[in-house]
Amino acid sequence: METAVQMVTAFGLVGSTAMLALVGVQLGRIRTELRRGVRVNVDGGMVASDTAHGGSGELPSGHAIFVYRNGQWHLETDFSKPGFEPSLPGIQGSYEGQAIKKPSVLKGHACHA
């Protein structure tokens, strides 16, 4: 009986160590992608930012950061350029605290819900 417990413990330790190693590898990949400038788009997929293709990474119109709270989008930060304004996202938030970067639009063309 004691040998069986030791074997189960040994297999458990080996399995746990392997899982920790896999988590470490995935975190390293995520860190690398973030350094390259990969961001999450409003659909939840990964897309390369302009900086990954040699651009400045900044939109000519600027952008705004929106956060989904209490069932609606709230403007967190406005980085709109002169002549532009933030526009509410046209999608429903997926989860509480979700944050997205949305390009600014010409003044008078914003969606205000």
PDB file of N, CA and C in Angstrom:
ATOM      1  N   MET A   1       0.820  -1.202   0.000  1.00  0.00           N
ATOM      2  CA  MET A   1       0.000   0.000   0.000  1.00  0.00           C
ATOM      3  C   MET A   1       0.857   1.257   0.000  1.00  0.00           C
ATOM      4  N   GLU A   2       1.922   1.226   0.807  1.00  0.00           N
ATOM      5  CA  GLU A   2       2.805   2.383   0.907  1.00  0.00           C
ATOM      6  C   GLU A   2       3.490   2.672  -0.435  1.00  0.00           C
ATOM      7  N   THR A   3       3.866   1.614  -1.170  1.00  0.00           N
ATOM      8  CA  THR A   3       4.495   1.782  -2.478  1.00  0.00           C
ATOM      9  C   THR A   3       3.522   2.427  -3.465  1.00  0.00           C
ATOM     10  N   ALA A   4       2.272   2.036  -3.416  1.00  0.00           N
ATOM     11  CA  ALA A   4       1.264   2.619  -4.310  1.00  0.00           C
ATOM     12  C   ALA A   4       1.083   4.102  -4.032  1.00  0.00           C
ATOM     13  N   VAL A   5       1.059   4.485  -2.761  1.00  0.00           N
ATOM     14  CA  VAL A   5       0.920   5.901  -2.396  1.00  0.00           C
ATOM     15  C   VAL A   5       2.132   6.686  -2.892  1.00  0.00           C
ATOM     16  N   GLN A   6       3.319   6.107  -2.750  1.00  0.00           N
ATOM     17  CA  GLN A   6       4.534   6.775  -3.210  1.00  0.00           C
ATOM     18  C   GLN A   6       4.518   6.952  -4.727  1.00  0.00           C
ATOM     19  N   MET A   7       4.028   5.938  -5.445  1.00  0.00           N
ATOM     20  CA  MET A   7       3.967   6.035  -6.901  1.00  0.00           C
ATOM     21  C   MET A   7       2.965   7.105  -7.336  1.00  0.00           C
ATOM     22  N   VAL A   8       1.799   7.128  -6.706  1.00  0.00           N
ATOM     23  CA  VAL A   8       0.791   8.138  -7.029  1.00  0.00           C
ATOM     24  C   VAL A   8       1.340   9.531  -6.742  1.00  0.00           C
ATOM     25  N   THR A   9       2.033   9.688  -5.613  1.00  0.00           N
ATOM     26  CA  THR A   9       2.630  10.977  -5.264  1.00  0.00           C
ATOM     27  C   THR A   9       3.687  11.381  -6.296  1.00  0.00           C
ATOM     28  N   ALA A  10       4.528  10.418  -6.695  1.00  0.00           N
ATOM     29  CA  ALA A  10       5.569  10.708  -7.680  1.00  0.00           C
ATOM     30  C   ALA A  10       4.962  11.115  -9.020  1.00  0.00           C
ATOM     31  N   PHE A  11       3.936  10.389  -9.479  1.00  0.00           N
ATOM     32  CA  PHE A  11       3.274  10.745 -10.732  1.00  0.00           C
ATOM     33  C   PHE A  11       2.605  12.114 -10.628  1.00  0.00           C
ATOM     34  N   GLY A  12       2.025  12.398  -9.470  1.00  0.00           N
ATOM     35  CA  GLY A  12       1.403  13.704  -9.260  1.00  0.00           C
ATOM     36  C   GLY A  12       2.405  14.835  -9.332  1.00  0.00           C
ATOM     37  N   LEU A  13       3.580  14.631  -8.722  1.00  0.00           N
ATOM     38  CA  LEU A  13       4.633  15.648  -8.769  1.00  0.00           C
ATOM     39  C   LEU A  13       5.156  15.856 -10.183  1.00  0.00           C
ATOM     40  N   VAL A  14       5.353  14.770 -10.907  1.00  0.00           N
ATOM     41  CA  VAL A  14       5.830  14.874 -12.295  1.00  0.00           C
ATOM     42  C   VAL A  14       4.789  15.592 -13.155  1.00  0.00           C
ATOM     43  N   GLY A  15       3.523  15.224 -12.981  1.00  0.00           N
ATOM     44  CA  GLY A  15       2.461  15.876 -13.753  1.00  0.00           C
ATOM     45  C   GLY A  15       2.345  17.356 -13.432  1.00  0.00           C
ATOM     46  N   SER A  16       2.423  17.705 -12.153  1.00  0.00           N
ATOM     47  CA  SER A  16       2.349  19.114 -11.744  1.00  0.00           C
ATOM     48  C   SER A  16       3.527  19.910 -12.303  1.00  0.00           C
ATOM     49  N   THR A  17       4.706  19.320 -12.259  1.00  0.00           N
ATOM     50  CA  THR A  17       5.889  19.995 -12.796  1.00  0.00           C
ATOM     51  C   THR A  17       5.742  20.230 -14.296  1.00  0.00           C
ATOM     52  N   ALA A  18       5.228  19.231 -15.007  1.00  0.00           N
ATOM     53  CA  ALA A  18       5.025  19.380 -16.453  1.00  0.00           C
ATOM     54  C   ALA A  18       4.017  20.485 -16.748  1.00  0.00           C
ATOM     55  N   MET A  19       2.944  20.550 -15.984  1.00  0.00           N
ATOM     56  CA  MET A  19       1.934  21.599 -16.200  1.00  0.00           C
ATOM     57  C   MET A  19       2.514  22.986 -15.921  1.00  0.00           C
ATOM     58  N   LEU A  20       3.304  23.115 -14.870  1.00  0.00           N
ATOM     59  CA  LEU A  20       3.938  24.402 -14.577  1.00  0.00           C
ATOM     60  C   LEU A  20       4.885  24.817 -15.704  1.00  0.00           C
ATOM     61  N   ALA A  21       5.591  23.858 -16.265  1.00  0.00           N
ATOM     62  CA  ALA A  21       6.485  24.161 -17.386  1.00  0.00           C
ATOM     63  C   ALA A  21       5.682  24.646 -18.590  1.00  0.00           C
ATOM     64  N   LEU A  22       4.552  24.010 -18.882  1.00  0.00           N
ATOM     65  CA  LEU A  22       3.708  24.439 -19.995  1.00  0.00           C
ATOM     66  C   LEU A  22       3.150  25.841 -19.766  1.00  0.00           C
ATOM     67  N   VAL A  23       2.743  26.123 -18.546  1.00  0.00           N
ATOM     68  CA  VAL A  23       2.241  27.462 -18.225  1.00  0.00           C
ATOM     69  C   VAL A  23       3.349  28.498 -18.437  1.00  0.00           C
ATOM     70  N   GLY A  24       4.552  28.170 -18.010  1.00  0.00           N
ATOM     71  CA  GLY A  24       5.689  29.073 -18.202  1.00  0.00           C
ATOM     72  C   GLY A  24       5.956  29.356 -19.671  1.00  0.00           C
ATOM     73  N   VAL A  25       5.863  28.332 -20.505  1.00  0.00           N
ATOM     74  CA  VAL A  25       6.064  28.503 -21.944  1.00  0.00           C
ATOM     75  C   VAL A  25       4.985  29.413 -22.532  1.00  0.00           C
ATOM     76  N   GLN A  26       3.736  29.187 -22.148  1.00  0.00           N
ATOM     77  CA  GLN A  26       2.641  30.013 -22.665  1.00  0.00           C
ATOM     78  C   GLN A  26       2.784  31.462 -22.209  1.00  0.00           C
ATOM     79  N   LEU A  27       3.154  31.688 -20.967  1.00  0.00           N
ATOM     80  CA  LEU A  27       3.362  33.059 -20.494  1.00  0.00           C
ATOM     81  C   LEU A  27       4.501  33.737 -21.248  1.00  0.00           C
ATOM     82  N   GLY A  28       5.531  32.986 -21.560  1.00  0.00           N
ATOM     83  CA  GLY A  28       6.634  33.541 -22.362  1.00  0.00           C
ATOM     84  C   GLY A  28       6.162  33.945 -23.746  1.00  0.00           C
ATOM     85  N   ARG A  29       5.314  33.139 -24.363  1.00  0.00           N
ATOM     86  CA  ARG A  29       4.771  33.469 -25.683  1.00  0.00           C
ATOM     87  C   ARG A  29       3.895  34.716 -25.619  1.00  0.00           C
ATOM     88  N   ILE A  30       3.075  34.805 -24.580  1.00  0.00           N
ATOM     89  CA  ILE A  30       2.221  35.979 -24.426  1.00  0.00           C
ATOM     90  C   ILE A  30       3.078  37.230 -24.254  1.00  0.00           C
ATOM     91  N   ARG A  31       4.106  37.148 -23.434  1.00  0.00           N
ATOM     92  CA  ARG A  31       5.002  38.286 -23.218  1.00  0.00           C
ATOM     93  C   ARG A  31       5.665  38.713 -24.527  1.00  0.00           C
ATOM     94  N   THR A  32       6.102  37.738 -25.322  1.00  0.00           N
ATOM     95  CA  THR A  32       6.723  38.041 -26.606  1.00  0.00           C
ATOM     96  C   THR A  32       5.740  38.744 -27.541  1.00  0.00           C
ATOM     97  N   GLU A  33       4.510  38.258 -27.601  1.00  0.00           N
ATOM     98  CA  GLU A  33       3.495  38.878 -28.450  1.00  0.00           C
ATOM     99  C   GLU A  33       3.191  40.305 -28.000  1.00  0.00           C
ATOM    100  N   LEU A  34       3.120  40.525 -26.705  1.00  0.00           N
ATOM    101  CA  LEU A  34       2.861  41.875 -26.204  1.00  0.00           C
ATOM    102  C   LEU A  34       4.004  42.820 -26.539  1.00  0.00           C
ATOM    103  N   ARG A  35       5.232  42.342 -26.473  1.00  0.00           N
ATOM    104  CA  ARG A  35       6.380  43.174 -26.848  1.00  0.00           C
ATOM    105  C   ARG A  35       6.350  43.529 -28.329  1.00  0.00           C
ATOM    106  N   ARG A  36       5.857  42.604 -29.164  1.00  0.00           N
ATOM    107  CA  ARG A  36       5.773  42.853 -30.605  1.00  0.00           C
ATOM    108  C   ARG A  36       4.653  43.811 -30.955  1.00  0.00           C
ATOM    109  N   GLY A  37       3.753  44.084 -30.034  1.00  0.00           N
ATOM    110  CA  GLY A  37       2.685  45.029 -30.303  1.00  0.00           C
ATOM    111  C   GLY A  37       1.389  44.385 -30.738  1.00  0.00           C
ATOM    112  N   VAL A  38       1.207  43.111 -30.457  1.00  0.00           N
ATOM    113  CA  VAL A  38      -0.046  42.452 -30.804  1.00  0.00           C
ATOM    114  C   VAL A  38      -1.107  42.902 -29.814  1.00  0.00           C
ATOM    115  N   ARG A  39      -2.306  43.181 -30.294  1.00  0.00           N
ATOM    116  CA  ARG A  39      -3.387  43.633 -29.431  1.00  0.00           C
ATOM    117  C   ARG A  39      -4.630  42.815 -29.742  1.00  0.00           C
ATOM    118  N   VAL A  40      -5.621  42.922 -28.901  1.00  0.00           N
ATOM    119  CA  VAL A  40      -6.878  42.219 -29.106  1.00  0.00           C
ATOM    120  C   VAL A  40      -7.868  43.177 -29.739  1.00  0.00           C
ATOM    121  N   ASN A  41      -8.510  42.765 -30.840  1.00  0.00           N
ATOM    122  CA  ASN A  41      -9.498  43.641 -31.474  1.00  0.00           C
ATOM    123  C   ASN A  41     -10.861  43.462 -30.814  1.00  0.00           C
ATOM    124  N   VAL A  42     -11.839  44.216 -31.259  1.00  0.00           N
ATOM    125  CA  VAL A  42     -13.150  44.196 -30.612  1.00  0.00           C
ATOM    126  C   VAL A  42     -13.860  42.858 -30.760  1.00  0.00           C
ATOM    127  N   ASP A  43     -13.467  42.044 -31.709  1.00  0.00           N
ATOM    128  CA  ASP A  43     -14.078  40.732 -31.882  1.00  0.00           C
ATOM    129  C   ASP A  43     -13.402  39.671 -31.023  1.00  0.00           C
ATOM    130  N   GLY A  44     -12.357  40.059 -30.321  1.00  0.00           N
ATOM    131  CA  GLY A  44     -11.674  39.124 -29.440  1.00  0.00           C
ATOM    132  C   GLY A  44     -10.526  38.397 -30.090  1.00  0.00           C
ATOM    133  N   GLY A  45     -10.305  38.568 -31.395  1.00  0.00           N
ATOM    134  CA  GLY A  45      -9.199  37.920 -32.076  1.00  0.00           C
ATOM    135  C   GLY A  45      -7.927  38.732 -31.952  1.00  0.00           C
ATOM    136  N   MET A  46      -6.807  38.092 -32.201  1.00  0.00           N
ATOM    137  CA  MET A  46      -5.539  38.803 -32.122  1.00  0.00           C
ATOM    138  C   MET A  46      -5.222  39.409 -33.484  1.00  0.00           C
ATOM    139  N   VAL A  47      -4.768  40.653 -33.478  1.00  0.00           N
ATOM    140  CA  VAL A  47      -4.336  41.313 -34.702  1.00  0.00           C
ATOM    141  C   VAL A  47      -3.049  42.045 -34.403  1.00  0.00           C
ATOM    142  N   ALA A  48      -2.186  42.154 -35.413  1.00  0.00           N
ATOM    143  CA  ALA A  48      -0.936  42.880 -35.228  1.00  0.00           C
ATOM    144  C   ALA A  48      -1.215  44.368 -35.306  1.00  0.00           C
ATOM    145  N   SER A  49      -0.561  45.123 -34.448  1.00  0.00           N
ATOM    146  CA  SER A  49      -0.736  46.569 -34.486  1.00  0.00           C
ATOM    147  C   SER A  49       0.121  47.154 -35.591  1.00  0.00           C
ATOM    148  N   ASP A  50      -0.029  48.458 -35.828  1.00  0.00           N
ATOM    149  CA  ASP A  50       0.753  49.133 -36.852  1.00  0.00           C
ATOM    150  C   ASP A  50       2.242  49.079 -36.547  1.00  0.00           C
ATOM    151  N   THR A  51       2.619  49.049 -35.265  1.00  0.00           N
ATOM    152  CA  THR A  51       4.036  49.033 -34.916  1.00  0.00           C
ATOM    153  C   THR A  51       4.700  47.740 -35.371  1.00  0.00           C
ATOM    154  N   ALA A  52       3.952  46.661 -35.468  1.00  0.00           N
ATOM    155  CA  ALA A  52       4.531  45.387 -35.902  1.00  0.00           C
ATOM    156  C   ALA A  52       4.896  45.427 -37.379  1.00  0.00           C
ATOM    157  N   HIS A  53       4.320  46.351 -38.130  1.00  0.00           N
ATOM    158  CA  HIS A  53       4.597  46.470 -39.560  1.00  0.00           C
ATOM    159  C   HIS A  53       5.421  47.701 -39.886  1.00  0.00           C
ATOM    160  N   GLY A  54       6.047  48.297 -38.877  1.00  0.00           N
ATOM    161  CA  GLY A  54       6.931  49.424 -39.110  1.00  0.00           C
ATOM    162  C   GLY A  54       6.239  50.773 -39.047  1.00  0.00           C
ATOM    163  N   GLY A  55       4.947  50.842 -38.777  1.00  0.00           N
ATOM    164  CA  GLY A  55       4.256  52.123 -38.675  1.00  0.00           C
ATOM    165  C   GLY A  55       4.448  52.726 -37.303  1.00  0.00           C
ATOM    166  N   SER A  56       3.868  53.884 -37.092  1.00  0.00           N
ATOM    167  CA  SER A  56       4.019  54.579 -35.823  1.00  0.00           C
ATOM    168  C   SER A  56       3.149  53.966 -34.741  1.00  0.00           C
ATOM    169  N   GLY A  57       2.100  53.240 -35.136  1.00  0.00           N
ATOM    170  CA  GLY A  57       1.207  52.656 -34.166  1.00  0.00           C
ATOM    171  C   GLY A  57       0.092  53.598 -33.746  1.00  0.00           C
ATOM    172  N   GLU A  58       0.167  54.846 -34.151  1.00  0.00           N
ATOM    173  CA  GLU A  58      -0.842  55.837 -33.782  1.00  0.00           C
ATOM    174  C   GLU A  58      -1.741  56.118 -34.977  1.00  0.00           C
ATOM    175  N   LEU A  59      -3.032  56.141 -34.729  1.00  0.00           N
ATOM    176  CA  LEU A  59      -3.998  56.449 -35.779  1.00  0.00           C
ATOM    177  C   LEU A  59      -4.023  57.958 -36.018  1.00  0.00           C
ATOM    178  N   PRO A  60      -4.236  58.405 -37.252  1.00  0.00           N
ATOM    179  CA  PRO A  60      -4.294  59.843 -37.512  1.00  0.00           C
ATOM    180  C   PRO A  60      -5.465  60.511 -36.793  1.00  0.00           C
ATOM    181  N   SER A  61      -6.503  59.746 -36.502  1.00  0.00           N
ATOM    182  CA  SER A  61      -7.677  60.295 -35.812  1.00  0.00           C
ATOM    183  C   SER A  61      -7.545  60.214 -34.302  1.00  0.00           C
ATOM    184  N   GLY A  62      -6.611  59.417 -33.818  1.00  0.00           N
ATOM    185  CA  GLY A  62      -6.524  59.143 -32.394  1.00  0.00           C
ATOM    186  C   GLY A  62      -7.442  57.985 -32.049  1.00  0.00           C
ATOM    187  N   HIS A  63      -7.644  57.757 -30.775  1.00  0.00           N
ATOM    188  CA  HIS A  63      -8.483  56.652 -30.340  1.00  0.00           C
ATOM    189  C   HIS A  63      -9.024  56.927 -28.940  1.00  0.00           C
ATOM    190  N   ALA A  64      -9.918  56.070 -28.513  1.00  0.00           N
ATOM    191  CA  ALA A  64     -10.479  56.144 -27.165  1.00  0.00           C
ATOM    192  C   ALA A  64     -10.487  54.749 -26.565  1.00  0.00           C
ATOM    193  N   ILE A  65     -10.371  54.691 -25.256  1.00  0.00           N
ATOM    194  CA  ILE A  65     -10.449  53.428 -24.534  1.00  0.00           C
ATOM    195  C   ILE A  65     -11.809  53.375 -23.843  1.00  0.00           C
ATOM    196  N   PHE A  66     -12.574  52.336 -24.141  1.00  0.00           N
ATOM    197  CA  PHE A  66     -13.878  52.129 -23.522  1.00  0.00           C
ATOM    198  C   PHE A  66     -13.819  50.891 -22.641  1.00  0.00           C
ATOM    199  N   VAL A  67     -14.528  50.944 -21.506  1.00  0.00           N
ATOM    200  CA  VAL A  67     -14.603  49.810 -20.585  1.00  0.00           C
ATOM    201  C   VAL A  67     -16.072  49.446 -20.396  1.00  0.00           C
ATOM    202  N   TYR A  68     -16.368  48.146 -20.450  1.00  0.00           N
ATOM    203  CA  TYR A  68     -17.735  47.647 -20.295  1.00  0.00           C
ATOM    204  C   TYR A  68     -18.025  47.422 -18.819  1.00  0.00           C
ATOM    205  N   ARG A  69     -18.961  48.229 -18.267  1.00  0.00           N
ATOM    206  CA  ARG A  69     -19.343  48.127 -16.861  1.00  0.00           C
ATOM    207  C   ARG A  69     -20.850  48.256 -16.724  1.00  0.00           C
ATOM    208  N   ASN A  70     -21.429  47.457 -15.859  1.00  0.00           N
ATOM    209  CA  ASN A  70     -22.868  47.529 -15.553  1.00  0.00           C
ATOM    210  C   ASN A  70     -23.741  47.490 -16.804  1.00  0.00           C
ATOM    211  N   GLY A  71     -23.363  46.670 -17.769  1.00  0.00           N
ATOM    212  CA  GLY A  71     -24.184  46.468 -18.952  1.00  0.00           C
ATOM    213  C   GLY A  71     -24.069  47.532 -20.025  1.00  0.00           C
ATOM    214  N   GLN A  72     -23.077  48.430 -19.913  1.00  0.00           N
ATOM    215  CA  GLN A  72     -22.908  49.444 -20.971  1.00  0.00           C
ATOM    216  C   GLN A  72     -21.446  49.886 -21.048  1.00  0.00           C
ATOM    217  N   TRP A  73     -21.099  50.488 -22.193  1.00  0.00           N
ATOM    218  CA  TRP A  73     -19.746  50.978 -22.416  1.00  0.00           C
ATOM    219  C   TRP A  73     -19.569  52.345 -21.762  1.00  0.00           C
ATOM    220  N   HIS A  74     -18.412  52.549 -21.135  1.00  0.00           N
ATOM    221  CA  HIS A  74     -18.068  53.827 -20.513  1.00  0.00           C
ATOM    222  C   HIS A  74     -16.730  54.289 -21.085  1.00  0.00           C
ATOM    223  N   LEU A  75     -16.652  55.577 -21.431  1.00  0.00           N
ATOM    224  CA  LEU A  75     -15.400  56.141 -21.927  1.00  0.00           C
ATOM    225  C   LEU A  75     -14.411  56.215 -20.773  1.00  0.00           C
ATOM    226  N   GLU A  76     -13.286  55.539 -20.918  1.00  0.00           N
ATOM    227  CA  GLU A  76     -12.255  55.527 -19.882  1.00  0.00           C
ATOM    228  C   GLU A  76     -11.228  56.634 -20.146  1.00  0.00           C
ATOM    229  N   THR A  77     -10.723  56.687 -21.372  1.00  0.00           N
ATOM    230  CA  THR A  77      -9.705  57.673 -21.736  1.00  0.00           C
ATOM    231  C   THR A  77      -9.900  58.079 -23.188  1.00  0.00           C
ATOM    232  N   ASP A  78      -9.772  59.371 -23.456  1.00  0.00           N
ATOM    233  CA  ASP A  78      -9.946  59.902 -24.808  1.00  0.00           C
ATOM    234  C   ASP A  78      -8.616  60.422 -25.334  1.00  0.00           C
ATOM    235  N   PHE A  79      -8.114  59.793 -26.405  1.00  0.00           N
ATOM    236  CA  PHE A  79      -6.884  60.214 -27.066  1.00  0.00           C
ATOM    237  C   PHE A  79      -7.188  60.735 -28.470  1.00  0.00           C
ATOM    238  N   SER A  80      -8.371  61.309 -28.663  1.00  0.00           N
ATOM    239  CA  SER A  80      -8.774  61.808 -29.983  1.00  0.00           C
ATOM    240  C   SER A  80      -7.922  63.004 -30.383  1.00  0.00           C
ATOM    241  N   LYS A  81      -7.612  63.086 -31.669  1.00  0.00           N
ATOM    242  CA  LYS A  81      -6.880  64.220 -32.225  1.00  0.00           C
ATOM    243  C   LYS A  81      -7.863  65.363 -32.476  1.00  0.00           C
ATOM    244  N   PRO A  82      -7.357  66.585 -32.652  1.00  0.00           N
ATOM    245  CA  PRO A  82      -8.243  67.719 -32.945  1.00  0.00           C
ATOM    246  C   PRO A  82      -9.105  67.440 -34.182  1.00  0.00           C
ATOM    247  N   GLY A  83     -10.404  67.745 -34.076  1.00  0.00           N
ATOM    248  CA  GLY A  83     -11.340  67.500 -35.165  1.00  0.00           C
ATOM    249  C   GLY A  83     -11.992  66.135 -35.114  1.00  0.00           C
ATOM    250  N   PHE A  84     -11.608  65.321 -34.145  1.00  0.00           N
ATOM    251  CA  PHE A  84     -12.150  63.966 -33.994  1.00  0.00           C
ATOM    252  C   PHE A  84     -12.722  63.809 -32.588  1.00  0.00           C
ATOM    253  N   GLU A  85     -13.587  62.807 -32.418  1.00  0.00           N
ATOM    254  CA  GLU A  85     -14.181  62.538 -31.115  1.00  0.00           C
ATOM    255  C   GLU A  85     -14.395  61.041 -30.953  1.00  0.00           C
ATOM    256  N   PRO A  86     -14.510  60.577 -29.692  1.00  0.00           N
ATOM    257  CA  PRO A  86     -14.759  59.151 -29.486  1.00  0.00           C
ATOM    258  C   PRO A  86     -16.169  58.768 -29.912  1.00  0.00           C
ATOM    259  N   SER A  87     -16.331  57.523 -30.300  1.00  0.00           N
ATOM    260  CA  SER A  87     -17.625  56.991 -30.694  1.00  0.00           C
ATOM    261  C   SER A  87     -17.824  55.672 -29.965  1.00  0.00           C
ATOM    262  N   LEU A  88     -19.005  55.488 -29.392  1.00  0.00           N
ATOM    263  CA  LEU A  88     -19.282  54.260 -28.640  1.00  0.00           C
ATOM    264  C   LEU A  88     -19.096  53.016 -29.508  1.00  0.00           C
ATOM    265  N   PRO A  89     -18.614  51.924 -28.926  1.00  0.00           N
ATOM    266  CA  PRO A  89     -18.504  50.669 -29.664  1.00  0.00           C
ATOM    267  C   PRO A  89     -19.879  50.197 -30.125  1.00  0.00           C
ATOM    268  N   GLY A  90     -19.928  49.590 -31.269  1.00  0.00           N
ATOM    269  CA  GLY A  90     -21.181  49.095 -31.824  1.00  0.00           C
ATOM    270  C   GLY A  90     -21.473  47.660 -31.458  1.00  0.00           C
ATOM    271  N   ILE A  91     -20.696  47.111 -30.549  1.00  0.00           N
ATOM    272  CA  ILE A  91     -20.894  45.724 -30.140  1.00  0.00           C
ATOM    273  C   ILE A  91     -21.270  45.671 -28.664  1.00  0.00           C
ATOM    274  N   GLN A  92     -21.889  44.582 -28.259  1.00  0.00           N
ATOM    275  CA  GLN A  92     -22.203  44.346 -26.854  1.00  0.00           C
ATOM    276  C   GLN A  92     -20.935  43.869 -26.156  1.00  0.00           C
ATOM    277  N   GLY A  93     -20.717  44.303 -24.942  1.00  0.00           N
ATOM    278  CA  GLY A  93     -19.569  43.828 -24.183  1.00  0.00           C
ATOM    279  C   GLY A  93     -19.685  42.346 -23.881  1.00  0.00           C
ATOM    280  N   SER A  94     -18.550  41.678 -23.788  1.00  0.00           N
ATOM    281  CA  SER A  94     -18.537  40.237 -23.532  1.00  0.00           C
ATOM    282  C   SER A  94     -18.492  39.906 -22.046  1.00  0.00           C
ATOM    283  N   TYR A  95     -17.889  40.807 -21.254  1.00  0.00           N
ATOM    284  CA  TYR A  95     -17.749  40.545 -19.830  1.00  0.00           C
ATOM    285  C   TYR A  95     -17.500  41.855 -19.092  1.00  0.00           C
ATOM    286  N   GLU A  96     -17.792  41.858 -17.824  1.00  0.00           N
ATOM    287  CA  GLU A  96     -17.606  43.032 -16.966  1.00  0.00           C
ATOM    288  C   GLU A  96     -16.119  43.381 -16.908  1.00  0.00           C
ATOM    289  N   GLY A  97     -15.804  44.643 -17.176  1.00  0.00           N
ATOM    290  CA  GLY A  97     -14.416  45.094 -17.141  1.00  0.00           C
ATOM    291  C   GLY A  97     -13.689  44.970 -18.470  1.00  0.00           C
ATOM    292  N   GLN A  98     -14.352  44.486 -19.515  1.00  0.00           N
ATOM    293  CA  GLN A  98     -13.729  44.370 -20.830  1.00  0.00           C
ATOM    294  C   GLN A  98     -13.315  45.759 -21.301  1.00  0.00           C
ATOM    295  N   ALA A  99     -12.111  45.894 -21.814  1.00  0.00           N
ATOM    296  CA  ALA A  99     -11.613  47.174 -22.317  1.00  0.00           C
ATOM    297  C   ALA A  99     -11.249  47.019 -23.786  1.00  0.00           C
ATOM    298  N   ILE A 100     -11.602  48.023 -24.592  1.00  0.00           N
ATOM    299  CA  ILE A 100     -11.238  48.004 -26.005  1.00  0.00           C
ATOM    300  C   ILE A 100     -10.716  49.370 -26.417  1.00  0.00           C
ATOM    301  N   LYS A 101      -9.895  49.364 -27.443  1.00  0.00           N
ATOM    302  CA  LYS A 101      -9.379  50.586 -28.061  1.00  0.00           C
ATOM    303  C   LYS A 101     -10.178  50.789 -29.340  1.00  0.00           C
ATOM    304  N   LYS A 102     -10.824  51.942 -29.467  1.00  0.00           N
ATOM    305  CA  LYS A 102     -11.671  52.209 -30.628  1.00  0.00           C
ATOM    306  C   LYS A 102     -11.181  53.471 -31.322  1.00  0.00           C
ATOM    307  N   PRO A 103     -10.964  53.427 -32.644  1.00  0.00           N
ATOM    308  CA  PRO A 103     -10.535  54.626 -33.372  1.00  0.00           C
ATOM    309  C   PRO A 103     -11.564  55.748 -33.236  1.00  0.00           C
ATOM    310  N   SER A 104     -11.074  56.965 -33.140  1.00  0.00           N
ATOM    311  CA  SER A 104     -11.952  58.134 -33.078  1.00  0.00           C
ATOM    312  C   SER A 104     -12.518  58.423 -34.464  1.00  0.00           C
ATOM    313  N   VAL A 105     -13.625  59.166 -34.501  1.00  0.00           N
ATOM    314  CA  VAL A 105     -14.295  59.510 -35.756  1.00  0.00           C
ATOM    315  C   VAL A 105     -14.362  61.035 -35.894  1.00  0.00           C
ATOM    316  N   LEU A 106     -14.651  61.496 -37.113  1.00  0.00           N
ATOM    317  CA  LEU A 106     -14.802  62.935 -37.328  1.00  0.00           C
ATOM    318  C   LEU A 106     -15.893  63.480 -36.424  1.00  0.00           C
ATOM    319  N   LYS A 107     -15.684  64.679 -35.920  1.00  0.00           N
ATOM    320  CA  LYS A 107     -16.703  65.296 -35.055  1.00  0.00           C
ATOM    321  C   LYS A 107     -18.014  65.359 -35.806  1.00  0.00           C
ATOM    322  N   GLY A 108     -19.108  65.034 -35.108  1.00  0.00           N
ATOM    323  CA  GLY A 108     -20.436  65.028 -35.697  1.00  0.00           C
ATOM    324  C   GLY A 108     -20.822  63.697 -36.307  1.00  0.00           C
ATOM    325  N   HIS A 109     -19.881  62.741 -36.372  1.00  0.00           N
ATOM    326  CA  HIS A 109     -20.156  61.429 -36.937  1.00  0.00           C
ATOM    327  C   HIS A 109     -20.121  60.323 -35.893  1.00  0.00           C
ATOM    328  N   ALA A 110     -20.036  60.708 -34.615  1.00  0.00           N
ATOM    329  CA  ALA A 110     -19.927  59.717 -33.551  1.00  0.00           C
ATOM    330  C   ALA A 110     -21.276  59.077 -33.250  1.00  0.00           C
ATOM    331  N   CYS A 111     -21.213  57.822 -32.830  1.00  0.00           N
ATOM    332  CA  CYS A 111     -22.392  57.082 -32.396  1.00  0.00           C
ATOM    333  C   CYS A 111     -22.557  57.319 -30.902  1.00  0.00           C
ATOM    334  N   HIS A 112     -23.633  57.989 -30.499  1.00  0.00           N
ATOM    335  CA  HIS A 112     -23.903  58.246 -29.083  1.00  0.00           C
ATOM    336  C   HIS A 112     -25.188  57.522 -28.713  1.00  0.00           C
ATOM    337  N   ALA A 113     -25.060  56.481 -27.919  1.00  0.00           N
ATOM    338  CA  ALA A 113     -26.253  55.713 -27.524  1.00  0.00           C
ATOM    339  C   ALA A 113     -26.819  56.214 -26.216  1.00  0.00           C
TER     340      ALA A 113
END
